[in-house]
Amino acid sequence: MRRKLKLVLLITVFALCVSCATTGQVSPDAVMIDGVPFFSQEAYQCGPTALAIVMDYWYAKTQSGKRVTPEQIAADIYSPSARGVLGIDLELYAGKHGFKTHQYSGSIADLRKNVDLGIPAIIFVDYGFSIYEVNHFMVVTGYTGDSVIVNSGKRENRSIADGELEKIWKKNRYWTLVLKPSA
């Protein structure tokens, strides 16, 4: 009984967190990175999906003719026991496929700077509470004056208020991954 109550509470908190974000039309004052693709995420595939979005963005931008799908990435790095992937898995996969990676503790100002430079960043957030983690990878694709725009889960161009992002991102020490094609 107690476990069911905790699960219901966790789902309620997650739903409230998600409802703080908006999806849909991008604000006319939004600064966006052009050409960032969108892949709808399958269950427990946020890491492979986020990485596929960023790798495909760079493949198109460099006109390499290459493509990658979340399914291809998941086949190589998904861990059923972990129900997902680790950040290091994303770094190693990208490196193996010709990308330079840089993982660091970011900031909202840093995300905006990356958008201005045309660099989509992968961030790792936690929608959980207390000791219950609900971790999630997402890709930053733009921003407005008071929010960051991400491709996340099954939602493209989801706007998250800076204050809300700060709360869920801080729990994972502002984990950020940037990758660029090797020269």
C-alpha atoms as a PDB file:
ATOM      1  CA  MET A   1       0.000   0.000   0.000  1.00  0.00           C
ATOM      2  CA  ARG A   2       2.755   2.429   0.954  1.00  0.00           C
ATOM      3  CA  ARG A   3       4.603   1.710  -2.310  1.00  0.00           C
ATOM      4  CA  LYS A   4       1.445   2.468  -4.339  1.00  0.00           C
ATOM      5  CA  LEU A   5       1.010   5.744  -2.478  1.00  0.00           C
ATOM      6  CA  LYS A   6       4.606   6.729  -3.259  1.00  0.00           C
ATOM      7  CA  LEU A   7       4.086   5.857  -6.924  1.00  0.00           C
ATOM      8  CA  VAL A   8       0.895   7.942  -7.129  1.00  0.00           C
ATOM      9  CA  LEU A   9       2.687  10.827  -5.434  1.00  0.00           C
ATOM     10  CA  LEU A  10       5.629  10.544  -7.825  1.00  0.00           C
ATOM     11  CA  ILE A  11       3.344  10.548 -10.864  1.00  0.00           C
ATOM     12  CA  THR A  12       1.453  13.558  -9.501  1.00  0.00           C
ATOM     13  CA  VAL A  13       4.658  15.532  -8.925  1.00  0.00           C
ATOM     14  CA  PHE A  14       5.934  14.616 -12.390  1.00  0.00           C
ATOM     15  CA  ALA A  15       2.642  15.732 -13.972  1.00  0.00           C
ATOM     16  CA  LEU A  16       2.792  19.036 -12.108  1.00  0.00           C
ATOM     17  CA  CYS A  17       6.377  19.630 -13.236  1.00  0.00           C
ATOM     18  CA  VAL A  18       5.543  18.855 -16.832  1.00  0.00           C
ATOM     19  CA  SER A  19       2.500  21.116 -16.722  1.00  0.00           C
ATOM     20  CA  CYS A  20       4.779  24.058 -15.869  1.00  0.00           C
ATOM     21  CA  ALA A  21       6.159  23.836 -19.390  1.00  0.00           C
ATOM     22  CA  THR A  22       4.372  24.771 -22.576  1.00  0.00           C
ATOM     23  CA  THR A  23       4.531  23.184 -25.986  1.00  0.00           C
ATOM     24  CA  GLY A  24       3.432  24.386 -29.352  1.00  0.00           C
ATOM     25  CA  GLN A  25       3.938  27.605 -31.190  1.00  0.00           C
ATOM     26  CA  VAL A  26       7.308  29.182 -30.626  1.00  0.00           C
ATOM     27  CA  SER A  27       7.113  32.740 -29.350  1.00  0.00           C
ATOM     28  CA  PRO A  28       7.866  35.336 -32.047  1.00  0.00           C
ATOM     29  CA  ASP A  29      10.673  36.729 -29.861  1.00  0.00           C
ATOM     30  CA  ALA A  30      12.332  33.304 -29.509  1.00  0.00           C
ATOM     31  CA  VAL A  31      15.906  32.797 -30.639  1.00  0.00           C
ATOM     32  CA  MET A  32      16.096  29.350 -32.260  1.00  0.00           C
ATOM     33  CA  ILE A  33      18.768  27.159 -33.829  1.00  0.00           C
ATOM     34  CA  ASP A  34      17.663  26.503 -37.409  1.00  0.00           C
ATOM     35  CA  GLY A  35      17.611  22.942 -38.672  1.00  0.00           C
ATOM     36  CA  VAL A  36      17.514  20.988 -35.415  1.00  0.00           C
ATOM     37  CA  PRO A  37      15.612  17.769 -36.199  1.00  0.00           C
ATOM     38  CA  PHE A  38      13.032  16.195 -33.920  1.00  0.00           C
ATOM     39  CA  PHE A  39      12.678  12.527 -33.017  1.00  0.00           C
ATOM     40  CA  SER A  40       9.797  11.436 -30.802  1.00  0.00           C
ATOM     41  CA  GLN A  41      11.171   9.467 -27.875  1.00  0.00           C
ATOM     42  CA  GLU A  42      10.164   5.910 -27.030  1.00  0.00           C
ATOM     43  CA  ALA A  43      10.007   4.743 -23.391  1.00  0.00           C
ATOM     44  CA  TYR A  44      13.364   5.002 -21.592  1.00  0.00           C
ATOM     45  CA  GLN A  45      15.085   6.252 -24.752  1.00  0.00           C
ATOM     46  CA  CYS A  46      15.654   9.924 -23.895  1.00  0.00           C
ATOM     47  CA  GLY A  47      19.463   9.601 -24.050  1.00  0.00           C
ATOM     48  CA  PRO A  48      19.654   7.913 -27.465  1.00  0.00           C
ATOM     49  CA  THR A  49      16.951  10.267 -28.776  1.00  0.00           C
ATOM     50  CA  ALA A  50      18.734  13.413 -27.569  1.00  0.00           C
ATOM     51  CA  LEU A  51      22.027  12.207 -29.023  1.00  0.00           C
ATOM     52  CA  ALA A  52      20.411  11.328 -32.373  1.00  0.00           C
ATOM     53  CA  ILE A  53      18.890  14.822 -32.567  1.00  0.00           C
ATOM     54  CA  VAL A  54      22.260  16.518 -32.068  1.00  0.00           C
ATOM     55  CA  MET A  55      24.269  14.136 -34.262  1.00  0.00           C
ATOM     56  CA  ASP A  56      21.726  14.405 -37.093  1.00  0.00           C
ATOM     57  CA  TYR A  57      21.790  18.208 -36.767  1.00  0.00           C
ATOM     58  CA  TRP A  58      25.561  18.219 -37.308  1.00  0.00           C
ATOM     59  CA  TYR A  59      25.395  15.621 -40.090  1.00  0.00           C
ATOM     60  CA  ALA A  60      22.935  17.848 -41.990  1.00  0.00           C
ATOM     61  CA  LYS A  61      24.864  21.042 -41.243  1.00  0.00           C
ATOM     62  CA  THR A  62      28.132  19.569 -42.529  1.00  0.00           C
ATOM     63  CA  GLN A  63      26.356  17.899 -45.463  1.00  0.00           C
ATOM     64  CA  SER A  64      28.063  14.615 -44.627  1.00  0.00           C
ATOM     65  CA  GLY A  65      25.222  12.523 -46.025  1.00  0.00           C
ATOM     66  CA  LYS A  66      25.217  10.481 -42.807  1.00  0.00           C
ATOM     67  CA  ARG A  67      22.123   9.843 -40.694  1.00  0.00           C
ATOM     68  CA  VAL A  68      21.540   8.230 -37.330  1.00  0.00           C
ATOM     69  CA  THR A  69      18.361   7.222 -35.533  1.00  0.00           C
ATOM     70  CA  PRO A  70      17.599   6.835 -31.836  1.00  0.00           C
ATOM     71  CA  GLU A  71      17.062   3.126 -32.482  1.00  0.00           C
ATOM     72  CA  GLN A  72      20.580   2.719 -33.901  1.00  0.00           C
ATOM     73  CA  ILE A  73      22.110   4.457 -30.910  1.00  0.00           C
ATOM     74  CA  ALA A  74      19.960   2.544 -28.412  1.00  0.00           C
ATOM     75  CA  ALA A  75      20.987  -0.767 -29.989  1.00  0.00           C
ATOM     76  CA  ASP A  76      24.597   0.071 -29.080  1.00  0.00           C
ATOM     77  CA  ILE A  77      24.308   1.724 -25.664  1.00  0.00           C
ATOM     78  CA  TYR A  78      20.915   1.108 -24.022  1.00  0.00           C
ATOM     79  CA  SER A  79      21.090  -0.760 -20.699  1.00  0.00           C
ATOM     80  CA  PRO A  80      17.900  -2.662 -19.798  1.00  0.00           C
ATOM     81  CA  SER A  81      18.994  -2.959 -16.161  1.00  0.00           C
ATOM     82  CA  ALA A  82      19.517   0.805 -15.930  1.00  0.00           C
ATOM     83  CA  ARG A  83      16.391   1.472 -18.024  1.00  0.00           C
ATOM     84  CA  GLY A  84      18.376   3.978 -20.026  1.00  0.00           C
ATOM     85  CA  VAL A  85      21.904   5.191 -20.580  1.00  0.00           C
ATOM     86  CA  LEU A  86      24.576   7.091 -18.707  1.00  0.00           C
ATOM     87  CA  GLY A  87      26.007  10.398 -19.815  1.00  0.00           C
ATOM     88  CA  ILE A  88      29.357   8.747 -20.452  1.00  0.00           C
ATOM     89  CA  ASP A  89      27.618   6.367 -22.881  1.00  0.00           C
ATOM     90  CA  LEU A  90      26.498   9.355 -24.950  1.00  0.00           C
ATOM     91  CA  GLU A  91      29.997  10.834 -24.928  1.00  0.00           C
ATOM     92  CA  LEU A  92      31.684   7.587 -25.930  1.00  0.00           C
ATOM     93  CA  TYR A  93      29.186   6.871 -28.714  1.00  0.00           C
ATOM     94  CA  ALA A  94      29.566  10.380 -30.159  1.00  0.00           C
ATOM     95  CA  GLY A  95      33.365  10.160 -29.934  1.00  0.00           C
ATOM     96  CA  LYS A  96      33.357   6.796 -31.685  1.00  0.00           C
ATOM     97  CA  HIS A  97      31.415   8.415 -34.537  1.00  0.00           C
ATOM     98  CA  GLY A  98      33.779  11.325 -35.118  1.00  0.00           C
ATOM     99  CA  PHE A  99      32.559  13.993 -32.714  1.00  0.00           C
ATOM    100  CA  LYS A 100      34.482  16.027 -30.173  1.00  0.00           C
ATOM    101  CA  THR A 101      32.567  16.070 -26.890  1.00  0.00           C
ATOM    102  CA  HIS A 102      32.651  18.388 -23.923  1.00  0.00           C
ATOM    103  CA  GLN A 103      30.701  17.509 -20.777  1.00  0.00           C
ATOM    104  CA  TYR A 104      30.556  20.173 -18.076  1.00  0.00           C
ATOM    105  CA  SER A 105      28.417  21.927 -15.484  1.00  0.00           C
ATOM    106  CA  GLY A 106      26.511  24.539 -17.488  1.00  0.00           C
ATOM    107  CA  SER A 107      24.294  27.534 -16.802  1.00  0.00           C
ATOM    108  CA  ILE A 108      21.255  29.096 -18.416  1.00  0.00           C
ATOM    109  CA  ALA A 109      23.482  31.902 -19.729  1.00  0.00           C
ATOM    110  CA  ASP A 110      25.754  29.256 -21.253  1.00  0.00           C
ATOM    111  CA  LEU A 111      22.781  27.544 -22.939  1.00  0.00           C
ATOM    112  CA  ARG A 112      21.764  30.869 -24.489  1.00  0.00           C
ATOM    113  CA  LYS A 113      25.324  31.442 -25.710  1.00  0.00           C
ATOM    114  CA  ASN A 114      25.353  27.990 -27.331  1.00  0.00           C
ATOM    115  CA  VAL A 115      22.041  28.724 -29.068  1.00  0.00           C
ATOM    116  CA  ASP A 116      23.464  32.019 -30.355  1.00  0.00           C
ATOM    117  CA  LEU A 117      26.418  30.052 -31.765  1.00  0.00           C
ATOM    118  CA  GLY A 118      24.135  27.440 -33.376  1.00  0.00           C
ATOM    119  CA  ILE A 119      25.175  24.668 -30.975  1.00  0.00           C
ATOM    120  CA  PRO A 120      22.374  22.492 -29.539  1.00  0.00           C
ATOM    121  CA  ALA A 121      23.302  21.237 -26.059  1.00  0.00           C
ATOM    122  CA  ILE A 122      22.090  18.080 -24.341  1.00  0.00           C
ATOM    123  CA  ILE A 123      21.139  18.634 -20.706  1.00  0.00           C
ATOM    124  CA  PHE A 124      20.267  16.130 -17.983  1.00  0.00           C
ATOM    125  CA  VAL A 125      17.475  17.051 -15.572  1.00  0.00           C
ATOM    126  CA  ASP A 126      15.687  15.348 -12.680  1.00  0.00           C
ATOM    127  CA  TYR A 127      11.896  15.672 -12.335  1.00  0.00           C
ATOM    128  CA  GLY A 128      11.881  13.598  -9.146  1.00  0.00           C
ATOM    129  CA  PHE A 129      11.658  14.714  -5.550  1.00  0.00           C
ATOM    130  CA  SER A 130      13.684  13.925  -2.461  1.00  0.00           C
ATOM    131  CA  ILE A 131      15.405  10.577  -3.060  1.00  0.00           C
ATOM    132  CA  TYR A 132      13.141   9.585  -5.962  1.00  0.00           C
ATOM    133  CA  GLU A 133      14.905  10.399  -9.212  1.00  0.00           C
ATOM    134  CA  VAL A 134      13.103  10.848 -12.519  1.00  0.00           C
ATOM    135  CA  ASN A 135      16.073  11.653 -14.761  1.00  0.00           C
ATOM    136  CA  HIS A 136      15.701  12.857 -18.326  1.00  0.00           C
ATOM    137  CA  PHE A 137      17.943  14.005 -21.211  1.00  0.00           C
ATOM    138  CA  MET A 138      16.698  16.821 -23.461  1.00  0.00           C
ATOM    139  CA  VAL A 139      18.116  19.037 -26.230  1.00  0.00           C
ATOM    140  CA  VAL A 140      18.219  22.834 -25.966  1.00  0.00           C
ATOM    141  CA  THR A 141      17.135  24.376 -29.277  1.00  0.00           C
ATOM    142  CA  GLY A 142      16.286  27.965 -28.379  1.00  0.00           C
ATOM    143  CA  TYR A 143      15.310  30.519 -25.761  1.00  0.00           C
ATOM    144  CA  THR A 144      13.130  33.530 -24.998  1.00  0.00           C
ATOM    145  CA  GLY A 145      13.657  36.273 -22.441  1.00  0.00           C
ATOM    146  CA  ASP A 146      12.529  34.057 -19.567  1.00  0.00           C
ATOM    147  CA  SER A 147      12.558  30.477 -20.822  1.00  0.00           C
ATOM    148  CA  VAL A 148      14.581  27.825 -22.580  1.00  0.00           C
ATOM    149  CA  ILE A 149      13.153  25.864 -25.524  1.00  0.00           C
ATOM    150  CA  VAL A 150      13.892  22.150 -25.750  1.00  0.00           C
ATOM    151  CA  ASN A 151      13.107  19.044 -27.740  1.00  0.00           C
ATOM    152  CA  SER A 152      12.081  16.611 -25.032  1.00  0.00           C
ATOM    153  CA  GLY A 153      10.312  13.280 -25.021  1.00  0.00           C
ATOM    154  CA  LYS A 154       7.449  13.424 -27.480  1.00  0.00           C
ATOM    155  CA  ARG A 155       7.412  17.225 -27.532  1.00  0.00           C
ATOM    156  CA  GLU A 156       9.153  19.527 -29.964  1.00  0.00           C
ATOM    157  CA  ASN A 157       9.832  23.152 -29.017  1.00  0.00           C
ATOM    158  CA  ARG A 158       8.793  22.791 -25.398  1.00  0.00           C
ATOM    159  CA  SER A 159       9.284  26.004 -23.435  1.00  0.00           C
ATOM    160  CA  ILE A 160      10.488  25.682 -19.831  1.00  0.00           C
ATOM    161  CA  ALA A 161      10.598  28.772 -17.609  1.00  0.00           C
ATOM    162  CA  ASP A 162      14.117  29.599 -16.435  1.00  0.00           C
ATOM    163  CA  GLY A 163      13.146  29.141 -12.768  1.00  0.00           C
ATOM    164  CA  GLU A 164      11.657  25.700 -13.393  1.00  0.00           C
ATOM    165  CA  LEU A 165      14.657  24.601 -15.460  1.00  0.00           C
ATOM    166  CA  GLU A 166      16.971  25.801 -12.714  1.00  0.00           C
ATOM    167  CA  LYS A 167      15.193  23.558 -10.168  1.00  0.00           C
ATOM    168  CA  ILE A 168      15.204  20.363 -12.230  1.00  0.00           C
ATOM    169  CA  TRP A 169      18.657  20.872 -13.748  1.00  0.00           C
ATOM    170  CA  LYS A 170      20.408  21.775 -10.479  1.00  0.00           C
ATOM    171  CA  LYS A 171      19.651  18.304  -9.084  1.00  0.00           C
ATOM    172  CA  ASN A 172      22.003  16.837 -11.702  1.00  0.00           C
ATOM    173  CA  ARG A 173      24.633  19.528 -11.147  1.00  0.00           C
ATOM    174  CA  TYR A 174      23.746  21.337 -14.391  1.00  0.00           C
ATOM    175  CA  TRP A 175      25.017  18.402 -16.458  1.00  0.00           C
ATOM    176  CA  THR A 176      25.574  19.577 -20.035  1.00  0.00           C
ATOM    177  CA  LEU A 177      26.992  17.835 -23.093  1.00  0.00           C
ATOM    178  CA  VAL A 178      28.074  19.657 -26.234  1.00  0.00           C
ATOM    179  CA  LEU A 179      29.359  17.856 -29.284  1.00  0.00           C
ATOM    180  CA  LYS A 180      30.793  19.121 -32.531  1.00  0.00           C
ATOM    181  CA  PRO A 181      32.125  17.366 -35.607  1.00  0.00           C
ATOM    182  CA  SER A 182      35.864  16.688 -35.501  1.00  0.00           C
ATOM    183  CA  ALA A 183      37.821  18.886 -37.883  1.00  0.00           C
END
